[in-house]
């Protein structure tokens, strides 16, 4: 069985992430979406919320499992019997960073390969950070996120909308 890990913080999961998950699920027998628990960051959503959002958007993909992890990605991959790490690439700027990570992971765990999937062009500009920033200023995020996830993001920012507040 070919098992792949698709890691990330997914704060929140975007339509670009979902596209990579769907495409990976067609290539591999099993795809584990690994939600990174990173104590150095202050995510908008808790680990549990991010896991639940990913379970929601992948509910119709039978060979996808969502788990959280901390520590080294290669250890998480080994623990779950994965032999491939999936990484999405939006632009050339992503490639340099992702290549360094892939090479480091290959040194630490030579049995693991990294597969880069280029994003669908309609999501090439999209990141979780950008979606959150648009939402923070009260903008329309419906083109970036599943409707249910967009509602959760808007709810997080309700009452905290920044930007133009009328005349002074």
C-alpha atoms as a PDB file:
ATOM      1  CA  UNK A   1       0.000   0.000   0.000  1.00  0.00           C
ATOM      2  CA  UNK A   2       1.364   3.409  -0.983  1.00  0.00           C
ATOM      3  CA  UNK A   3       0.766   5.931   1.768  1.00  0.00           C
ATOM      4  CA  UNK A   4       1.496   9.640   1.491  1.00  0.00           C
ATOM      5  CA  UNK A   5       1.592  12.408   4.088  1.00  0.00           C
ATOM      6  CA  UNK A   6       0.388  15.904   3.231  1.00  0.00           C
ATOM      7  CA  UNK A   7       1.575  18.103   6.120  1.00  0.00           C
ATOM      8  CA  UNK A   8       0.692  21.669   6.975  1.00  0.00           C
ATOM      9  CA  UNK A   9      -0.768  24.019   9.524  1.00  0.00           C
ATOM     10  CA  UNK A  10      -4.029  24.428   7.541  1.00  0.00           C
ATOM     11  CA  UNK A  11      -5.045  27.547   9.460  1.00  0.00           C
ATOM     12  CA  UNK A  12      -7.569  27.493   7.808  1.00  0.00           C
ATOM     13  CA  UNK A  13      -7.775  24.845   5.097  1.00  0.00           C
ATOM     14  CA  UNK A  14      -8.182  26.559   1.711  1.00  0.00           C
ATOM     15  CA  UNK A  15      -9.611  25.357  -1.587  1.00  0.00           C
ATOM     16  CA  UNK A  16      -5.996  25.099  -2.774  1.00  0.00           C
ATOM     17  CA  UNK A  17      -5.275  22.611   0.015  1.00  0.00           C
ATOM     18  CA  UNK A  18      -8.403  20.646  -0.867  1.00  0.00           C
ATOM     19  CA  UNK A  19      -7.306  20.508  -4.512  1.00  0.00           C
ATOM     20  CA  UNK A  20      -3.923  19.011  -3.517  1.00  0.00           C
ATOM     21  CA  UNK A  21      -5.629  16.493  -1.191  1.00  0.00           C
ATOM     22  CA  UNK A  22      -8.103  15.386  -3.873  1.00  0.00           C
ATOM     23  CA  UNK A  23      -5.365  14.960  -6.470  1.00  0.00           C
ATOM     24  CA  UNK A  24      -3.116  13.093  -4.022  1.00  0.00           C
ATOM     25  CA  UNK A  25      -5.965  10.737  -3.128  1.00  0.00           C
ATOM     26  CA  UNK A  26      -6.146   9.705  -6.798  1.00  0.00           C
ATOM     27  CA  UNK A  27      -2.433   8.848  -6.837  1.00  0.00           C
ATOM     28  CA  UNK A  28      -2.001   7.058  -3.504  1.00  0.00           C
ATOM     29  CA  UNK A  29      -3.835   4.264  -1.729  1.00  0.00           C
ATOM     30  CA  UNK A  30      -3.940   6.340   1.451  1.00  0.00           C
ATOM     31  CA  UNK A  31      -3.317  10.031   2.144  1.00  0.00           C
ATOM     32  CA  UNK A  32      -2.751  11.214   5.683  1.00  0.00           C
ATOM     33  CA  UNK A  33      -3.281  14.919   6.137  1.00  0.00           C
ATOM     34  CA  UNK A  34      -0.922  15.865   8.954  1.00  0.00           C
ATOM     35  CA  UNK A  35      -1.988  18.933  10.914  1.00  0.00           C
ATOM     36  CA  UNK A  36       1.117  20.453  12.445  1.00  0.00           C
ATOM     37  CA  UNK A  37       0.940  21.384  16.109  1.00  0.00           C
ATOM     38  CA  UNK A  38       3.473  24.228  16.208  1.00  0.00           C
ATOM     39  CA  UNK A  39       3.963  25.869  19.606  1.00  0.00           C
ATOM     40  CA  UNK A  40       5.998  28.674  17.979  1.00  0.00           C
ATOM     41  CA  UNK A  41       2.940  29.977  16.111  1.00  0.00           C
ATOM     42  CA  UNK A  42      -0.345  31.414  17.332  1.00  0.00           C
ATOM     43  CA  UNK A  43      -2.926  29.945  14.964  1.00  0.00           C
ATOM     44  CA  UNK A  44      -6.388  31.416  14.477  1.00  0.00           C
ATOM     45  CA  UNK A  45      -7.892  27.949  14.990  1.00  0.00           C
ATOM     46  CA  UNK A  46      -7.018  25.356  17.611  1.00  0.00           C
ATOM     47  CA  UNK A  47      -5.484  22.054  16.597  1.00  0.00           C
ATOM     48  CA  UNK A  48      -8.827  20.323  17.181  1.00  0.00           C
ATOM     49  CA  UNK A  49     -10.691  22.899  15.069  1.00  0.00           C
ATOM     50  CA  UNK A  50      -8.219  22.527  12.199  1.00  0.00           C
ATOM     51  CA  UNK A  51      -8.455  18.726  12.319  1.00  0.00           C
ATOM     52  CA  UNK A  52     -12.257  18.904  12.342  1.00  0.00           C
ATOM     53  CA  UNK A  53     -12.330  21.369   9.426  1.00  0.00           C
ATOM     54  CA  UNK A  54     -10.102  19.047   7.393  1.00  0.00           C
ATOM     55  CA  UNK A  55     -12.249  16.040   8.270  1.00  0.00           C
ATOM     56  CA  UNK A  56     -15.267  18.023   7.071  1.00  0.00           C
ATOM     57  CA  UNK A  57     -13.790  19.027   3.696  1.00  0.00           C
ATOM     58  CA  UNK A  58     -12.419  15.501   3.063  1.00  0.00           C
ATOM     59  CA  UNK A  59     -15.497  13.624   4.275  1.00  0.00           C
ATOM     60  CA  UNK A  60     -16.259  12.302   0.766  1.00  0.00           C
ATOM     61  CA  UNK A  61     -12.716  11.083   0.067  1.00  0.00           C
ATOM     62  CA  UNK A  62     -12.560   7.570   1.558  1.00  0.00           C
ATOM     63  CA  UNK A  63      -8.778   7.104   1.436  1.00  0.00           C
ATOM     64  CA  UNK A  64      -7.964  10.294   3.371  1.00  0.00           C
ATOM     65  CA  UNK A  65      -7.249  10.340   7.089  1.00  0.00           C
ATOM     66  CA  UNK A  66      -6.627  13.485   9.153  1.00  0.00           C
ATOM     67  CA  UNK A  67      -4.222  13.381  12.106  1.00  0.00           C
ATOM     68  CA  UNK A  68      -2.319  15.982  14.095  1.00  0.00           C
ATOM     69  CA  UNK A  69       1.370  15.791  14.921  1.00  0.00           C
ATOM     70  CA  UNK A  70       4.300  17.633  16.371  1.00  0.00           C
ATOM     71  CA  UNK A  71       8.000  16.999  16.106  1.00  0.00           C
ATOM     72  CA  UNK A  72       9.777  15.925  12.957  1.00  0.00           C
ATOM     73  CA  UNK A  73       7.686  15.234   9.885  1.00  0.00           C
ATOM     74  CA  UNK A  74       9.886  12.251   8.998  1.00  0.00           C
ATOM     75  CA  UNK A  75       9.114  10.649  12.372  1.00  0.00           C
ATOM     76  CA  UNK A  76       5.382  11.183  11.800  1.00  0.00           C
ATOM     77  CA  UNK A  77       5.704   9.659   8.321  1.00  0.00           C
ATOM     78  CA  UNK A  78       7.589   6.622   9.639  1.00  0.00           C
ATOM     79  CA  UNK A  79       5.106   6.142  12.478  1.00  0.00           C
ATOM     80  CA  UNK A  80       2.265   6.035   9.950  1.00  0.00           C
ATOM     81  CA  UNK A  81       3.998   3.865   7.351  1.00  0.00           C
ATOM     82  CA  UNK A  82       4.161   6.631   4.752  1.00  0.00           C
ATOM     83  CA  UNK A  83       6.763   6.505   2.002  1.00  0.00           C
ATOM     84  CA  UNK A  84       5.969   9.835   0.320  1.00  0.00           C
ATOM     85  CA  UNK A  85       5.595  13.423   1.512  1.00  0.00           C
ATOM     86  CA  UNK A  86       3.308  15.611  -0.597  1.00  0.00           C
ATOM     87  CA  UNK A  87       4.083  19.312  -0.940  1.00  0.00           C
ATOM     88  CA  UNK A  88       2.161  21.865  -2.955  1.00  0.00           C
ATOM     89  CA  UNK A  89       3.949  24.501  -5.009  1.00  0.00           C
ATOM     90  CA  UNK A  90       2.285  27.793  -5.918  1.00  0.00           C
ATOM     91  CA  UNK A  91       5.229  29.732  -7.321  1.00  0.00           C
ATOM     92  CA  UNK A  92       8.968  29.582  -7.928  1.00  0.00           C
ATOM     93  CA  UNK A  93       9.488  31.249  -4.563  1.00  0.00           C
ATOM     94  CA  UNK A  94       7.912  28.200  -2.857  1.00  0.00           C
ATOM     95  CA  UNK A  95      10.280  25.869  -4.687  1.00  0.00           C
ATOM     96  CA  UNK A  96      13.536  27.017  -3.071  1.00  0.00           C
ATOM     97  CA  UNK A  97      12.220  26.581   0.463  1.00  0.00           C
ATOM     98  CA  UNK A  98      10.429  23.317  -0.310  1.00  0.00           C
ATOM     99  CA  UNK A  99      13.488  21.885  -2.067  1.00  0.00           C
ATOM    100  CA  UNK A 100      15.638  22.581   1.002  1.00  0.00           C
ATOM    101  CA  UNK A 101      13.100  20.827   3.227  1.00  0.00           C
ATOM    102  CA  UNK A 102      12.854  17.867   0.860  1.00  0.00           C
ATOM    103  CA  UNK A 103      16.620  17.487   0.727  1.00  0.00           C
ATOM    104  CA  UNK A 104      16.950  17.718   4.507  1.00  0.00           C
ATOM    105  CA  UNK A 105      14.179  15.141   4.958  1.00  0.00           C
ATOM    106  CA  UNK A 106      15.910  12.879   2.436  1.00  0.00           C
ATOM    107  CA  UNK A 107      19.160  13.004   4.453  1.00  0.00           C
ATOM    108  CA  UNK A 108      17.334  12.218   7.704  1.00  0.00           C
ATOM    109  CA  UNK A 109      15.036   9.582   6.176  1.00  0.00           C
ATOM    110  CA  UNK A 110      16.380   8.257   2.850  1.00  0.00           C
ATOM    111  CA  UNK A 111      13.382   5.939   2.504  1.00  0.00           C
ATOM    112  CA  UNK A 112      11.019   8.907   2.117  1.00  0.00           C
ATOM    113  CA  UNK A 113      10.456  10.669  -1.175  1.00  0.00           C
ATOM    114  CA  UNK A 114       8.900  14.097  -1.615  1.00  0.00           C
ATOM    115  CA  UNK A 115       6.396  14.646  -4.408  1.00  0.00           C
ATOM    116  CA  UNK A 116       5.737  18.235  -5.466  1.00  0.00           C
ATOM    117  CA  UNK A 117       2.325  18.988  -6.925  1.00  0.00           C
ATOM    118  CA  UNK A 118       1.851  22.318  -8.626  1.00  0.00           C
ATOM    119  CA  UNK A 119      -1.280  24.068  -7.557  1.00  0.00           C
ATOM    120  CA  UNK A 120      -4.242  24.531  -9.809  1.00  0.00           C
ATOM    121  CA  UNK A 121      -3.773  27.922 -11.500  1.00  0.00           C
ATOM    122  CA  UNK A 122      -7.006  29.243 -10.016  1.00  0.00           C
ATOM    123  CA  UNK A 123      -5.427  28.878  -6.539  1.00  0.00           C
ATOM    124  CA  UNK A 124      -1.857  29.916  -7.389  1.00  0.00           C
ATOM    125  CA  UNK A 125      -2.135  33.150  -5.392  1.00  0.00           C
ATOM    126  CA  UNK A 126      -3.943  31.630  -2.412  1.00  0.00           C
ATOM    127  CA  UNK A 127      -2.610  31.032   1.085  1.00  0.00           C
ATOM    128  CA  UNK A 128      -4.247  30.634   4.482  1.00  0.00           C
ATOM    129  CA  UNK A 129      -2.570  33.857   5.590  1.00  0.00           C
ATOM    130  CA  UNK A 130      -4.050  35.812   2.687  1.00  0.00           C
ATOM    131  CA  UNK A 131      -7.525  34.395   3.315  1.00  0.00           C
ATOM    132  CA  UNK A 132      -7.299  35.378   6.993  1.00  0.00           C
ATOM    133  CA  UNK A 133      -6.116  38.872   6.132  1.00  0.00           C
ATOM    134  CA  UNK A 134      -8.995  39.454   3.712  1.00  0.00           C
ATOM    135  CA  UNK A 135     -11.438  38.157   6.354  1.00  0.00           C
ATOM    136  CA  UNK A 136      -9.857  40.336   9.055  1.00  0.00           C
ATOM    137  CA  UNK A 137     -10.714  43.407   6.979  1.00  0.00           C
ATOM    138  CA  UNK A 138     -14.246  42.213   6.248  1.00  0.00           C
ATOM    139  CA  UNK A 139     -13.579  41.126   2.658  1.00  0.00           C
ATOM    140  CA  UNK A 140     -15.290  38.351   0.717  1.00  0.00           C
ATOM    141  CA  UNK A 141     -13.466  35.030   1.227  1.00  0.00           C
ATOM    142  CA  UNK A 142     -15.974  32.821  -0.591  1.00  0.00           C
ATOM    143  CA  UNK A 143     -13.582  32.201  -3.519  1.00  0.00           C
ATOM    144  CA  UNK A 144     -10.854  30.948  -1.175  1.00  0.00           C
ATOM    145  CA  UNK A 145     -12.577  28.578   1.265  1.00  0.00           C
ATOM    146  CA  UNK A 146     -15.318  25.973   1.465  1.00  0.00           C
ATOM    147  CA  UNK A 147     -18.534  27.804   2.520  1.00  0.00           C
ATOM    148  CA  UNK A 148     -18.585  26.134   5.951  1.00  0.00           C
ATOM    149  CA  UNK A 149     -14.921  26.972   6.577  1.00  0.00           C
ATOM    150  CA  UNK A 150     -15.481  30.563   5.397  1.00  0.00           C
ATOM    151  CA  UNK A 151     -18.288  30.887   7.957  1.00  0.00           C
ATOM    152  CA  UNK A 152     -15.971  29.666  10.723  1.00  0.00           C
ATOM    153  CA  UNK A 153     -13.319  32.197   9.706  1.00  0.00           C
ATOM    154  CA  UNK A 154     -15.852  35.041   9.594  1.00  0.00           C
ATOM    155  CA  UNK A 155     -17.133  33.983  13.026  1.00  0.00           C
ATOM    156  CA  UNK A 156     -13.594  34.171  14.436  1.00  0.00           C
ATOM    157  CA  UNK A 157     -13.224  37.731  13.175  1.00  0.00           C
ATOM    158  CA  UNK A 158     -16.733  38.913  14.025  1.00  0.00           C
ATOM    159  CA  UNK A 159     -16.401  42.048  16.123  1.00  0.00           C
ATOM    160  CA  UNK A 160     -12.695  42.305  15.308  1.00  0.00           C
ATOM    161  CA  UNK A 161     -12.953  43.604  11.732  1.00  0.00           C
ATOM    162  CA  UNK A 162     -10.191  46.100  10.996  1.00  0.00           C
ATOM    163  CA  UNK A 163     -10.059  48.827   8.390  1.00  0.00           C
ATOM    164  CA  UNK A 164     -12.296  51.708   7.480  1.00  0.00           C
ATOM    165  CA  UNK A 165     -14.662  52.511  10.323  1.00  0.00           C
ATOM    166  CA  UNK A 166     -16.410  55.611   8.932  1.00  0.00           C
ATOM    167  CA  UNK A 167     -15.564  59.252   9.171  1.00  0.00           C
ATOM    168  CA  UNK A 168     -13.469  60.564  12.003  1.00  0.00           C
END
